[in-house]
Amino acid sequence: MYDSKDEQMITSLPESKDKTVMLSFDDGPSSVLPEILDILKHENVPAMFFWQSKLLYPERPWKRLIQEGHKIGTHTITHPDMTSLDYKAQYRQMASSVKTIESITGQKVTYFRPPFGQYDENTKRAAEELGLTVVLWKIASIDWELKNNPQQIVDNTLHHLQDKSIILLHELEQTAEILPSLIQSIKQEGYRFHLLS
C-alpha cells in the first residue's frame, strides 16, 4: 500500500456510486504492449499508461492505445530518481517528455508519475508549472520482482483491493501473462474499471 498524505498527489479515483479501480502501467511503451492492449480490449477495460518518452518510437502502437480509450501520462525521459535532481533537471525531464509524447501522439499530456514514486518539493513545483497532475498509486502489485512467480501479482493486488484504488503495474511479460486472471478476479469482487477524467 502506498498512502501519500500529500494532497497534491493522487492515489485514488474520485468518489462515485460504483466500486471502482484503475489499472495503470509504467515503464512503457514496451514489446508486450500489443498483448496488454489485446487483453484490455477483450475484457473491455480502460487503463492509464505512464511512458518514458525515450521508448516512444513512432511505430509503437500508440494510435491503437488512444483509439481504444486508454490514456497516456509521462514517466519522464529516462526514469531517474527525481529527488536526486535539482529543479531545472526535473523540469527538463518532465517538459521534454511531455513534448515528445504530444508531438508523436497529438494528445495533450496532463498526468505525470514520478519514477519509483519518489518526489520532492521541486517535483511538485515543476509539475505545477507544466500543468501536470501527479498520479501515484494505492496498490503496488510488485510485478517487477515476480518474473518467476506471476500468480503472486494477482495475490498482492487482491489482498489490498479496496474501492477507488489506483493499481500499479508495469509493461512486463509476467504482468501480461496474469492480466486476464487479475481483471477477472477484480470483476468478480464487484469492481468496475475507470480512468481519471
C-alpha atoms as a PDB file:
ATOM      1  CA  MET A   1       0.000   0.000   0.000  1.00  0.00           C
ATOM      2  CA  TYR A   2       1.196   3.500  -0.868  1.00  0.00           C
ATOM      3  CA  ASP A   3      -0.542   6.068   1.284  1.00  0.00           C
ATOM      4  CA  SER A   4       0.595   9.592   0.475  1.00  0.00           C
ATOM      5  CA  LYS A   5      -0.701  12.256   2.831  1.00  0.00           C
ATOM      6  CA  ASP A   6       0.250  14.890   0.264  1.00  0.00           C
ATOM      7  CA  GLU A   7      -2.929  16.416  -1.150  1.00  0.00           C
ATOM      8  CA  GLN A   8      -1.167  17.287  -4.421  1.00  0.00           C
ATOM      9  CA  MET A   9      -0.614  13.585  -5.092  1.00  0.00           C
ATOM     10  CA  ILE A  10      -3.454  11.450  -6.446  1.00  0.00           C
ATOM     11  CA  THR A  11      -3.513   7.849  -5.191  1.00  0.00           C
ATOM     12  CA  SER A  12      -7.229   7.113  -5.616  1.00  0.00           C
ATOM     13  CA  LEU A  13     -10.090   7.666  -8.017  1.00  0.00           C
ATOM     14  CA  PRO A  14     -12.733  10.283  -7.183  1.00  0.00           C
ATOM     15  CA  GLU A  15     -15.934   9.273  -5.417  1.00  0.00           C
ATOM     16  CA  SER A  16     -18.609   7.524  -7.468  1.00  0.00           C
ATOM     17  CA  LYS A  17     -21.627   5.333  -6.802  1.00  0.00           C
ATOM     18  CA  ASP A  18     -19.810   2.264  -8.170  1.00  0.00           C
ATOM     19  CA  LYS A  19     -16.957   0.288  -6.655  1.00  0.00           C
ATOM     20  CA  THR A  20     -14.096   1.329  -8.926  1.00  0.00           C
ATOM     21  CA  VAL A  21     -10.394   0.785  -9.520  1.00  0.00           C
ATOM     22  CA  MET A  22      -7.925   1.978 -12.140  1.00  0.00           C
ATOM     23  CA  LEU A  23      -5.193  -0.069 -13.769  1.00  0.00           C
ATOM     24  CA  SER A  24      -2.001   1.851 -14.502  1.00  0.00           C
ATOM     25  CA  PHE A  25       1.050   0.572 -16.381  1.00  0.00           C
ATOM     26  CA  ASP A  26       4.516   2.102 -16.015  1.00  0.00           C
ATOM     27  CA  ASP A  27       7.776   1.946 -17.977  1.00  0.00           C
ATOM     28  CA  GLY A  28       6.452   1.531 -21.495  1.00  0.00           C
ATOM     29  CA  PRO A  29       5.901   1.504 -24.299  1.00  0.00           C
ATOM     30  CA  SER A  30       7.411  -1.989 -24.301  1.00  0.00           C
ATOM     31  CA  SER A  31       7.341  -5.015 -26.585  1.00  0.00           C
ATOM     32  CA  VAL A  32       4.446  -6.564 -24.624  1.00  0.00           C
ATOM     33  CA  LEU A  33       2.182  -3.534 -25.142  1.00  0.00           C
ATOM     34  CA  PRO A  34       0.250  -5.153 -28.047  1.00  0.00           C
ATOM     35  CA  GLU A  35      -0.509  -8.194 -25.885  1.00  0.00           C
ATOM     36  CA  ILE A  36      -1.644  -5.984 -22.998  1.00  0.00           C
ATOM     37  CA  LEU A  37      -3.874  -3.999 -25.369  1.00  0.00           C
ATOM     38  CA  ASP A  38      -5.383  -7.221 -26.743  1.00  0.00           C
ATOM     39  CA  ILE A  39      -6.299  -8.326 -23.218  1.00  0.00           C
ATOM     40  CA  LEU A  40      -7.723  -4.941 -22.226  1.00  0.00           C
ATOM     41  CA  LYS A  41      -9.806  -4.854 -25.419  1.00  0.00           C
ATOM     42  CA  HIS A  42     -11.109  -8.388 -24.856  1.00  0.00           C
ATOM     43  CA  GLU A  43     -12.030  -7.543 -21.250  1.00  0.00           C
ATOM     44  CA  ASN A  44     -13.383  -4.075 -22.182  1.00  0.00           C
ATOM     45  CA  VAL A  45     -11.153  -2.409 -19.574  1.00  0.00           C
ATOM     46  CA  PRO A  46      -9.571   1.060 -19.881  1.00  0.00           C
ATOM     47  CA  ALA A  47      -6.138   1.771 -18.426  1.00  0.00           C
ATOM     48  CA  MET A  48      -3.626   4.565 -17.977  1.00  0.00           C
ATOM     49  CA  PHE A  49      -0.091   4.190 -19.291  1.00  0.00           C
ATOM     50  CA  PHE A  50       2.845   6.191 -17.922  1.00  0.00           C
ATOM     51  CA  TRP A  51       5.542   6.209 -20.585  1.00  0.00           C
ATOM     52  CA  GLN A  52       9.233   7.009 -20.692  1.00  0.00           C
ATOM     53  CA  SER A  53       9.486   9.164 -23.786  1.00  0.00           C
ATOM     54  CA  LYS A  54      12.872   7.686 -24.800  1.00  0.00           C
ATOM     55  CA  LEU A  55      10.977   4.430 -25.532  1.00  0.00           C
ATOM     56  CA  LEU A  56       8.226   6.043 -27.621  1.00  0.00           C
ATOM     57  CA  TYR A  57       9.195   5.312 -31.204  1.00  0.00           C
ATOM     58  CA  PRO A  58       6.622   6.395 -33.804  1.00  0.00           C
ATOM     59  CA  GLU A  59       5.980   2.740 -34.764  1.00  0.00           C
ATOM     60  CA  ARG A  60       4.807   1.800 -31.265  1.00  0.00           C
ATOM     61  CA  PRO A  61       1.010   1.131 -31.225  1.00  0.00           C
ATOM     62  CA  TRP A  62       0.153   4.457 -29.595  1.00  0.00           C
ATOM     63  CA  LYS A  63      -2.647   5.177 -32.094  1.00  0.00           C
ATOM     64  CA  ARG A  64      -4.379   1.961 -31.162  1.00  0.00           C
ATOM     65  CA  LEU A  65      -3.991   2.737 -27.461  1.00  0.00           C
ATOM     66  CA  ILE A  66      -5.710   6.107 -27.867  1.00  0.00           C
ATOM     67  CA  GLN A  67      -8.415   4.765 -30.214  1.00  0.00           C
ATOM     68  CA  GLU A  68      -9.290   2.052 -27.691  1.00  0.00           C
ATOM     69  CA  GLY A  69      -9.938   4.576 -24.923  1.00  0.00           C
ATOM     70  CA  HIS A  70      -6.768   4.447 -22.843  1.00  0.00           C
ATOM     71  CA  LYS A  71      -4.765   7.427 -21.568  1.00  0.00           C
ATOM     72  CA  ILE A  72      -1.069   8.280 -21.717  1.00  0.00           C
ATOM     73  CA  GLY A  73       0.830  10.112 -18.994  1.00  0.00           C
ATOM     74  CA  THR A  74       4.516  10.911 -18.726  1.00  0.00           C
ATOM     75  CA  HIS A  75       7.032   8.936 -16.676  1.00  0.00           C
ATOM     76  CA  THR A  76       9.969  11.243 -17.636  1.00  0.00           C
ATOM     77  CA  ILE A  77      12.512  10.707 -20.409  1.00  0.00           C
ATOM     78  CA  THR A  78      14.978   8.330 -18.730  1.00  0.00           C
ATOM     79  CA  HIS A  79      13.368   7.189 -15.429  1.00  0.00           C
ATOM     80  CA  PRO A  80      15.654   8.946 -12.911  1.00  0.00           C
ATOM     81  CA  ASP A  81      15.021   9.232  -9.186  1.00  0.00           C
ATOM     82  CA  MET A  82      13.660  12.777  -9.304  1.00  0.00           C
ATOM     83  CA  THR A  83      14.844  13.536  -5.769  1.00  0.00           C
ATOM     84  CA  SER A  84      18.444  13.188  -6.996  1.00  0.00           C
ATOM     85  CA  LEU A  85      17.928  16.051  -9.486  1.00  0.00           C
ATOM     86  CA  ASP A  86      17.697  19.797  -8.993  1.00  0.00           C
ATOM     87  CA  TYR A  87      14.655  21.790 -10.095  1.00  0.00           C
ATOM     88  CA  LYS A  88      15.928  22.545 -13.619  1.00  0.00           C
ATOM     89  CA  ALA A  89      16.792  18.920 -14.328  1.00  0.00           C
ATOM     90  CA  GLN A  90      13.423  17.725 -13.025  1.00  0.00           C
ATOM     91  CA  TYR A  91      11.607  20.330 -15.098  1.00  0.00           C
ATOM     92  CA  ARG A  92      13.577  19.260 -18.186  1.00  0.00           C
ATOM     93  CA  GLN A  93      12.750  15.568 -17.628  1.00  0.00           C
ATOM     94  CA  MET A  94       9.047  16.377 -17.462  1.00  0.00           C
ATOM     95  CA  ALA A  95       8.836  19.084 -20.123  1.00  0.00           C
ATOM     96  CA  SER A  96      10.877  17.230 -22.734  1.00  0.00           C
ATOM     97  CA  SER A  97       8.962  14.002 -22.145  1.00  0.00           C
ATOM     98  CA  VAL A  98       5.619  15.772 -22.472  1.00  0.00           C
ATOM     99  CA  LYS A  99       6.765  17.495 -25.666  1.00  0.00           C
ATOM    100  CA  THR A 100       7.882  14.197 -27.229  1.00  0.00           C
ATOM    101  CA  ILE A 101       4.688  12.341 -26.334  1.00  0.00           C
ATOM    102  CA  GLU A 102       2.467  15.199 -27.520  1.00  0.00           C
ATOM    103  CA  SER A 103       4.387  15.690 -30.787  1.00  0.00           C
ATOM    104  CA  ILE A 104       4.126  11.987 -31.686  1.00  0.00           C
ATOM    105  CA  THR A 105       0.580  11.289 -30.492  1.00  0.00           C
ATOM    106  CA  GLY A 106      -1.099  14.667 -30.925  1.00  0.00           C
ATOM    107  CA  GLN A 107      -2.665  14.156 -27.485  1.00  0.00           C
ATOM    108  CA  LYS A 108      -2.268  16.607 -24.615  1.00  0.00           C
ATOM    109  CA  VAL A 109      -0.442  15.085 -21.635  1.00  0.00           C
ATOM    110  CA  THR A 110      -1.872  16.123 -18.269  1.00  0.00           C
ATOM    111  CA  TYR A 111      -0.701  13.346 -15.925  1.00  0.00           C
ATOM    112  CA  PHE A 112       2.751  12.570 -14.533  1.00  0.00           C
ATOM    113  CA  ARG A 113       4.031   9.715 -12.407  1.00  0.00           C
ATOM    114  CA  PRO A 114       7.469  10.158 -10.824  1.00  0.00           C
ATOM    115  CA  PRO A 115       9.788   7.164 -11.284  1.00  0.00           C
ATOM    116  CA  PHE A 116       9.894   4.927  -8.202  1.00  0.00           C
ATOM    117  CA  GLY A 117       7.148   7.132  -6.726  1.00  0.00           C
ATOM    118  CA  GLN A 118       9.925   9.426  -5.457  1.00  0.00           C
ATOM    119  CA  TYR A 119       9.302  13.163  -5.416  1.00  0.00           C
ATOM    120  CA  ASP A 120      10.185  16.327  -3.523  1.00  0.00           C
ATOM    121  CA  GLU A 121       9.137  19.975  -3.492  1.00  0.00           C
ATOM    122  CA  ASN A 122      10.960  20.599  -6.791  1.00  0.00           C
ATOM    123  CA  THR A 123       8.973  17.780  -8.412  1.00  0.00           C
ATOM    124  CA  LYS A 124       5.695  19.283  -7.270  1.00  0.00           C
ATOM    125  CA  ARG A 125       6.750  22.762  -8.375  1.00  0.00           C
ATOM    126  CA  ALA A 126       7.848  21.601 -11.833  1.00  0.00           C
ATOM    127  CA  ALA A 127       4.669  19.572 -12.316  1.00  0.00           C
ATOM    128  CA  GLU A 128       2.550  22.555 -11.326  1.00  0.00           C
ATOM    129  CA  GLU A 129       4.462  24.842 -13.713  1.00  0.00           C
ATOM    130  CA  LEU A 130       3.767  22.380 -16.531  1.00  0.00           C
ATOM    131  CA  GLY A 131       0.107  21.889 -15.620  1.00  0.00           C
ATOM    132  CA  LEU A 132       0.650  18.231 -14.766  1.00  0.00           C
ATOM    133  CA  THR A 133      -1.329  16.294 -12.170  1.00  0.00           C
ATOM    134  CA  VAL A 134       0.896  13.898 -10.218  1.00  0.00           C
ATOM    135  CA  VAL A 135      -0.540  10.375 -10.010  1.00  0.00           C
ATOM    136  CA  LEU A 136       0.860   7.794  -7.609  1.00  0.00           C
ATOM    137  CA  TRP A 137      -0.982   4.612  -6.589  1.00  0.00           C
ATOM    138  CA  LYS A 138      -2.766   2.922  -3.716  1.00  0.00           C
ATOM    139  CA  ILE A 139      -1.779  -0.676  -4.554  1.00  0.00           C
ATOM    140  CA  ALA A 140       1.653  -1.812  -5.773  1.00  0.00           C
ATOM    141  CA  SER A 141       1.454  -5.245  -7.392  1.00  0.00           C
ATOM    142  CA  ILE A 142       5.257  -5.706  -7.068  1.00  0.00           C
ATOM    143  CA  ASP A 143       5.111  -7.259 -10.560  1.00  0.00           C
ATOM    144  CA  TRP A 144       8.675  -6.186 -11.376  1.00  0.00           C
ATOM    145  CA  GLU A 145      10.019  -8.619  -8.758  1.00  0.00           C
ATOM    146  CA  LEU A 146       7.809 -11.566  -9.720  1.00  0.00           C
ATOM    147  CA  LYS A 147       9.022 -12.820 -13.108  1.00  0.00           C
ATOM    148  CA  ASN A 148       9.179 -16.377 -11.748  1.00  0.00           C
ATOM    149  CA  ASN A 149       6.004 -16.182  -9.670  1.00  0.00           C
ATOM    150  CA  PRO A 150       3.413 -14.215 -11.646  1.00  0.00           C
ATOM    151  CA  GLN A 151       0.431 -15.527  -9.665  1.00  0.00           C
ATOM    152  CA  GLN A 152       1.758 -13.534  -6.708  1.00  0.00           C
ATOM    153  CA  ILE A 153       1.000 -10.356  -8.697  1.00  0.00           C
ATOM    154  CA  VAL A 154      -2.685 -11.264  -8.588  1.00  0.00           C
ATOM    155  CA  ASP A 155      -2.498 -12.230  -4.916  1.00  0.00           C
ATOM    156  CA  ASN A 156      -0.708  -8.999  -3.950  1.00  0.00           C
ATOM    157  CA  THR A 157      -3.324  -6.894  -5.712  1.00  0.00           C
ATOM    158  CA  LEU A 158      -6.373  -8.733  -4.396  1.00  0.00           C
ATOM    159  CA  HIS A 159      -5.003  -8.720  -0.842  1.00  0.00           C
ATOM    160  CA  HIS A 160      -5.040  -4.900  -0.807  1.00  0.00           C
ATOM    161  CA  LEU A 161      -8.036  -4.336  -3.087  1.00  0.00           C
ATOM    162  CA  GLN A 162     -10.285  -1.502  -1.972  1.00  0.00           C
ATOM    163  CA  ASP A 163     -12.668   0.957  -3.548  1.00  0.00           C
ATOM    164  CA  LYS A 164     -11.174   3.790  -5.657  1.00  0.00           C
ATOM    165  CA  SER A 165      -7.705   2.200  -5.707  1.00  0.00           C
ATOM    166  CA  ILE A 166      -5.164   3.035  -8.394  1.00  0.00           C
ATOM    167  CA  ILE A 167      -3.198  -0.149  -9.106  1.00  0.00           C
ATOM    168  CA  LEU A 168       0.469  -0.019 -10.128  1.00  0.00           C
ATOM    169  CA  LEU A 169       1.526  -2.479 -12.841  1.00  0.00           C
ATOM    170  CA  HIS A 170       4.288  -2.487 -15.450  1.00  0.00           C
ATOM    171  CA  GLU A 171       4.521  -3.418 -19.127  1.00  0.00           C
ATOM    172  CA  LEU A 172       6.226  -6.740 -18.377  1.00  0.00           C
ATOM    173  CA  GLU A 173       5.813 -10.285 -19.708  1.00  0.00           C
ATOM    174  CA  GLN A 174       4.754 -11.665 -16.334  1.00  0.00           C
ATOM    175  CA  THR A 175       2.149  -8.920 -15.980  1.00  0.00           C
ATOM    176  CA  ALA A 176       0.697  -9.633 -19.414  1.00  0.00           C
ATOM    177  CA  GLU A 177       0.615 -13.332 -18.531  1.00  0.00           C
ATOM    178  CA  ILE A 178      -1.585 -12.848 -15.450  1.00  0.00           C
ATOM    179  CA  LEU A 179      -3.571  -9.819 -16.650  1.00  0.00           C
ATOM    180  CA  PRO A 180      -6.684 -11.772 -17.750  1.00  0.00           C
ATOM    181  CA  SER A 181      -6.823 -13.544 -14.395  1.00  0.00           C
ATOM    182  CA  LEU A 182      -6.252 -10.291 -12.499  1.00  0.00           C
ATOM    183  CA  ILE A 183      -9.009  -8.444 -14.361  1.00  0.00           C
ATOM    184  CA  GLN A 184     -11.485 -11.296 -13.980  1.00  0.00           C
ATOM    185  CA  SER A 185     -10.716 -11.598 -10.256  1.00  0.00           C
ATOM    186  CA  ILE A 186     -11.279  -7.873  -9.719  1.00  0.00           C
ATOM    187  CA  LYS A 187     -14.555  -8.016 -11.675  1.00  0.00           C
ATOM    188  CA  GLN A 188     -15.694 -10.953  -9.539  1.00  0.00           C
ATOM    189  CA  GLU A 189     -15.210  -8.740  -6.476  1.00  0.00           C
ATOM    190  CA  GLY A 190     -17.781  -6.338  -7.946  1.00  0.00           C
ATOM    191  CA  TYR A 191     -15.456  -3.601  -9.204  1.00  0.00           C
ATOM    192  CA  ARG A 192     -15.681  -1.520 -12.361  1.00  0.00           C
ATOM    193  CA  PHE A 193     -12.613  -0.136 -14.130  1.00  0.00           C
ATOM    194  CA  HIS A 194     -12.487   3.651 -14.509  1.00  0.00           C
ATOM    195  CA  LEU A 195      -9.951   6.276 -15.561  1.00  0.00           C
ATOM    196  CA  LEU A 196      -9.076   9.660 -14.135  1.00  0.00           C
ATOM    197  CA  SER A 197     -11.035  12.223 -16.131  1.00  0.00           C
END
